[in-house]
Amino acid sequence: MNIFFAIIRTLFLFTLFCFVAGGMLIVAVQTAGLIGMQPGWVTDIYEQFGPWVFSASSICAILAFVLKFRPHPEHHHHHRNGEHGTHEHES
């Protein structure tokens, strides 16, 4: 099961990078189009990359949801006086 979640995590990181970088590219080109008075840039970049970026963000969200079910290794905490859920530190 660990290999499954390792693959999911890798895909999550890849799609995260794709949608963040793609979003930055779209905003940068649209900003340049506005400043340079090039309306074609504003619409063309969105039409060319928008579907890919939005798809990557949707896939990333689904993968993040799946990763919430990843088993975590048990942490062994030492409790004083048999109390559970409290963490007391000795001075």
C-alpha atoms as a PDB file:
ATOM      1  CA  MET A   1       0.000   0.000   0.000  1.00  0.00           C
ATOM      2  CA  ASN A   2       2.954   2.331   0.584  1.00  0.00           C
ATOM      3  CA  ILE A   3       3.949   2.204  -3.090  1.00  0.00           C
ATOM      4  CA  PHE A   4       0.422   3.251  -4.020  1.00  0.00           C
ATOM      5  CA  PHE A   5       0.593   6.353  -1.842  1.00  0.00           C
ATOM      6  CA  ALA A   6       4.144   7.081  -3.017  1.00  0.00           C
ATOM      7  CA  ILE A   7       2.863   7.165  -6.600  1.00  0.00           C
ATOM      8  CA  ILE A   8      -0.130   9.302  -5.601  1.00  0.00           C
ATOM      9  CA  ARG A   9       2.160  11.737  -3.761  1.00  0.00           C
ATOM     10  CA  THR A  10       4.476  12.001  -6.789  1.00  0.00           C
ATOM     11  CA  LEU A  11       1.513  12.664  -9.080  1.00  0.00           C
ATOM     12  CA  PHE A  12       0.169  15.194  -6.568  1.00  0.00           C
ATOM     13  CA  LEU A  13       3.470  17.106  -6.541  1.00  0.00           C
ATOM     14  CA  PHE A  14       3.690  17.008 -10.340  1.00  0.00           C
ATOM     15  CA  THR A  15       0.148  18.315 -10.845  1.00  0.00           C
ATOM     16  CA  LEU A  16       0.700  20.917  -8.116  1.00  0.00           C
ATOM     17  CA  PHE A  17       3.760  22.203  -9.945  1.00  0.00           C
ATOM     18  CA  CYS A  18       1.919  22.162 -13.296  1.00  0.00           C
ATOM     19  CA  PHE A  19      -1.051  24.167 -12.135  1.00  0.00           C
ATOM     20  CA  VAL A  20       0.972  26.698 -10.126  1.00  0.00           C
ATOM     21  CA  ALA A  21       3.503  27.231 -12.921  1.00  0.00           C
ATOM     22  CA  GLY A  22       0.758  27.257 -15.553  1.00  0.00           C
ATOM     23  CA  GLY A  23      -1.280  29.755 -13.565  1.00  0.00           C
ATOM     24  CA  MET A  24       1.741  32.005 -13.186  1.00  0.00           C
ATOM     25  CA  LEU A  25       2.395  31.763 -16.927  1.00  0.00           C
ATOM     26  CA  ILE A  26      -1.201  32.670 -17.770  1.00  0.00           C
ATOM     27  CA  VAL A  27      -1.203  35.656 -15.411  1.00  0.00           C
ATOM     28  CA  ALA A  28       2.216  36.861 -16.611  1.00  0.00           C
ATOM     29  CA  VAL A  29       1.281  36.716 -20.302  1.00  0.00           C
ATOM     30  CA  GLN A  30      -2.118  38.323 -19.683  1.00  0.00           C
ATOM     31  CA  THR A  31      -0.445  41.093 -17.690  1.00  0.00           C
ATOM     32  CA  ALA A  32       2.061  41.656 -20.475  1.00  0.00           C
ATOM     33  CA  GLY A  33      -0.828  41.725 -22.957  1.00  0.00           C
ATOM     34  CA  LEU A  34      -2.634  44.356 -20.918  1.00  0.00           C
ATOM     35  CA  ILE A  35       0.459  46.512 -20.507  1.00  0.00           C
ATOM     36  CA  GLY A  36       1.457  46.109 -24.158  1.00  0.00           C
ATOM     37  CA  MET A  37      -2.113  46.590 -25.373  1.00  0.00           C
ATOM     38  CA  GLN A  38      -2.145  43.190 -27.047  1.00  0.00           C
ATOM     39  CA  PRO A  39      -5.653  41.814 -26.508  1.00  0.00           C
ATOM     40  CA  GLY A  40      -4.805  38.673 -28.459  1.00  0.00           C
ATOM     41  CA  TRP A  41      -2.254  37.688 -25.825  1.00  0.00           C
ATOM     42  CA  VAL A  42      -4.852  37.901 -23.086  1.00  0.00           C
ATOM     43  CA  THR A  43      -7.306  35.588 -24.811  1.00  0.00           C
ATOM     44  CA  ASP A  44      -4.843  33.304 -26.632  1.00  0.00           C
ATOM     45  CA  ILE A  45      -2.871  32.276 -23.553  1.00  0.00           C
ATOM     46  CA  TYR A  46      -6.076  31.497 -21.701  1.00  0.00           C
ATOM     47  CA  GLU A  47      -7.451  29.436 -24.582  1.00  0.00           C
ATOM     48  CA  GLN A  48      -4.162  27.563 -25.063  1.00  0.00           C
ATOM     49  CA  PHE A  49      -3.244  26.819 -21.447  1.00  0.00           C
ATOM     50  CA  GLY A  50      -6.425  27.353 -19.420  1.00  0.00           C
ATOM     51  CA  PRO A  51      -7.917  23.886 -19.930  1.00  0.00           C
ATOM     52  CA  TRP A  52      -4.594  22.208 -19.092  1.00  0.00           C
ATOM     53  CA  VAL A  53      -4.029  24.297 -15.984  1.00  0.00           C
ATOM     54  CA  PHE A  54      -7.580  23.841 -14.703  1.00  0.00           C
ATOM     55  CA  SER A  55      -7.391  20.098 -15.384  1.00  0.00           C
ATOM     56  CA  ALA A  56      -4.118  19.867 -13.461  1.00  0.00           C
ATOM     57  CA  SER A  57      -5.637  21.750 -10.526  1.00  0.00           C
ATOM     58  CA  SER A  58      -8.671  19.451 -10.472  1.00  0.00           C
ATOM     59  CA  ILE A  59      -6.528  16.325 -10.589  1.00  0.00           C
ATOM     60  CA  CYS A  60      -4.286  17.777  -7.869  1.00  0.00           C
ATOM     61  CA  ALA A  61      -7.305  18.340  -5.620  1.00  0.00           C
ATOM     62  CA  ILE A  62      -8.498  14.759  -6.117  1.00  0.00           C
ATOM     63  CA  LEU A  63      -5.020  13.406  -5.359  1.00  0.00           C
ATOM     64  CA  ALA A  64      -4.828  15.564  -2.216  1.00  0.00           C
ATOM     65  CA  PHE A  65      -8.130  14.042  -1.096  1.00  0.00           C
ATOM     66  CA  VAL A  66      -6.791  10.520  -1.675  1.00  0.00           C
ATOM     67  CA  LEU A  67      -3.625  11.359   0.283  1.00  0.00           C
ATOM     68  CA  LYS A  68      -5.757  12.153   3.336  1.00  0.00           C
ATOM     69  CA  PHE A  69      -6.337   8.398   3.622  1.00  0.00           C
ATOM     70  CA  ARG A  70      -2.640   7.554   3.658  1.00  0.00           C
ATOM     71  CA  PRO A  71      -1.766   5.492   6.734  1.00  0.00           C
ATOM     72  CA  HIS A  72       0.594   7.277   9.084  1.00  0.00           C
ATOM     73  CA  PRO A  73       3.155   5.414  11.159  1.00  0.00           C
ATOM     74  CA  GLU A  74       2.189   5.057  14.789  1.00  0.00           C
ATOM     75  CA  HIS A  75       3.888   7.526  17.103  1.00  0.00           C
ATOM     76  CA  HIS A  76       4.767   6.212  20.514  1.00  0.00           C
ATOM     77  CA  HIS A  77       4.258   8.871  23.158  1.00  0.00           C
ATOM     78  CA  HIS A  78       5.262   8.393  26.750  1.00  0.00           C
ATOM     79  CA  HIS A  79       2.492   9.479  29.067  1.00  0.00           C
ATOM     80  CA  ARG A  80       2.973  10.259  32.722  1.00  0.00           C
ATOM     81  CA  ASN A  81       0.713   8.754  35.353  1.00  0.00           C
ATOM     82  CA  GLY A  82      -1.153   6.735  32.740  1.00  0.00           C
ATOM     83  CA  GLU A  83      -2.835   9.842  31.301  1.00  0.00           C
ATOM     84  CA  HIS A  84      -3.671   9.781  27.647  1.00  0.00           C
ATOM     85  CA  GLY A  85      -3.763  12.827  25.413  1.00  0.00           C
ATOM     86  CA  THR A  86      -1.614  15.061  27.615  1.00  0.00           C
ATOM     87  CA  HIS A  87       1.979  15.916  27.010  1.00  0.00           C
ATOM     88  CA  GLU A  88       3.765  17.109  30.102  1.00  0.00           C
ATOM     89  CA  HIS A  89       7.384  18.119  29.950  1.00  0.00           C
ATOM     90  CA  GLU A  90       9.685  17.712  32.890  1.00  0.00           C
ATOM     91  CA  SER A  91      11.559  20.840  33.944  1.00  0.00           C
END
